[in-house]
Amino acid sequence: MNSVILKRFDAPDELRSFEKGTFALVHLGGMTIGPATYEPGWKWSTHVGPVAGTATCQVAHVGMVVSRRAAVAMERRHDL
C-alpha cells in the first residue's frame, strides 16, 4: 500500500547546532535532508572539523545556495 509522509523543516527530526551554524535534519526513508544555516565567517576547518576529527567533511552532499554565497573545497578522490 502506498503512503504519503509529510515532514517540515521547521519541525525537524534532528537539530544539530554548532558554532556559527545549524542543520535542521529530516529523515525520509534512507535519506537525510534539510537546510544548513551558516553565519558569516563560518568555516568547516575552524568550526566543525576539530569536533569531527577530520580536515574536511566526509559526507556526500547535494547542495543549493539560497541566499548569499558559498565557497567549496573538495578533496581529490584517487579511487575513481
Protein backbone atom coordinates (compact mmCIF):
# COMPACT_ATOMS: atom_id res chain seq x y z
CA MET A 1 0.00 0.00 0.00
CA ASN A 2 1.30 3.48 -0.90
CA SER A 3 1.51 6.15 1.76
CA VAL A 4 2.38 9.82 1.97
CA ILE A 5 4.83 11.11 4.56
CA LEU A 6 4.73 14.82 5.37
CA LYS A 7 7.60 16.43 7.25
CA ARG A 8 8.57 20.05 7.80
CA PHE A 9 11.97 21.67 8.19
CA ASP A 10 10.57 23.94 10.91
CA ALA A 11 9.88 20.77 12.97
CA PRO A 12 12.95 18.66 12.08
CA ASP A 13 13.67 15.15 13.30
CA GLU A 14 17.06 16.37 14.48
CA LEU A 15 18.61 19.81 15.02
CA ARG A 16 22.40 19.99 15.07
CA SER A 17 23.84 23.25 16.34
CA PHE A 18 27.49 24.18 16.24
CA GLU A 19 29.49 27.37 16.43
CA LYS A 20 28.19 29.75 13.73
CA GLY A 21 25.69 27.30 12.24
CA THR A 22 22.84 24.80 12.40
CA PHE A 23 21.48 21.82 10.47
CA ALA A 24 17.74 21.06 10.60
CA LEU A 25 17.56 17.42 9.52
CA VAL A 26 14.55 15.44 8.30
CA HIS A 27 14.83 11.68 7.76
CA LEU A 28 12.87 10.24 4.81
CA GLY A 29 13.40 6.57 4.10
CA GLY A 30 17.13 6.12 3.65
CA MET A 31 17.79 9.83 3.04
CA THR A 32 18.54 12.70 5.36
CA ILE A 33 17.79 16.17 4.01
CA GLY A 34 17.46 19.67 5.35
CA PRO A 35 18.67 23.22 5.33
CA ALA A 36 22.01 24.27 6.76
CA THR A 37 22.39 27.82 8.03
CA TYR A 38 25.81 29.40 8.48
CA GLU A 39 26.72 32.75 10.00
CA PRO A 40 29.26 34.97 8.24
CA GLY A 41 32.78 33.72 8.85
CA TRP A 42 31.77 30.06 9.27
CA LYS A 43 34.43 27.65 8.06
CA TRP A 44 34.44 23.84 8.22
CA SER A 45 38.09 23.58 9.26
CA THR A 46 37.57 26.03 12.13
CA HIS A 47 34.04 25.36 13.40
CA VAL A 48 33.27 21.68 12.69
CA GLY A 49 36.49 19.91 11.68
CA PRO A 50 38.07 19.83 15.16
CA VAL A 51 34.90 18.26 16.61
CA ALA A 52 34.55 15.79 13.70
CA GLY A 53 38.25 14.95 13.79
CA THR A 54 38.67 15.37 10.02
CA ALA A 55 40.17 18.09 7.83
CA THR A 56 37.14 18.04 5.50
CA CYS A 57 33.54 16.84 5.68
CA GLN A 58 33.30 13.15 4.80
CA VAL A 59 29.55 13.14 3.96
CA ALA A 60 28.28 13.13 0.34
CA HIS A 61 26.37 16.32 -0.44
CA VAL A 62 23.92 17.77 -2.90
CA GLY A 63 23.54 21.44 -2.21
CA MET A 64 21.95 24.67 -3.30
CA VAL A 65 22.78 28.15 -2.03
CA VAL A 66 19.56 30.07 -1.45
CA SER A 67 20.98 33.32 -0.12
CA ARG A 68 24.38 34.98 -0.23
CA ARG A 69 27.30 32.88 -1.47
CA ALA A 70 29.38 29.83 -0.61
CA ALA A 71 32.86 28.58 -1.43
CA VAL A 72 33.57 24.86 -1.58
CA ALA A 73 36.84 22.92 -1.47
CA MET A 74 36.89 19.20 -2.17
CA GLU A 75 39.48 16.50 -1.70
CA ARG A 76 40.63 14.69 -4.81
CA ARG A 77 39.48 11.06 -4.76
CA HIS A 78 42.07 8.61 -6.01
CA ASP A 79 39.72 5.61 -6.14
CA LEU A 80 37.68 6.81 -9.14
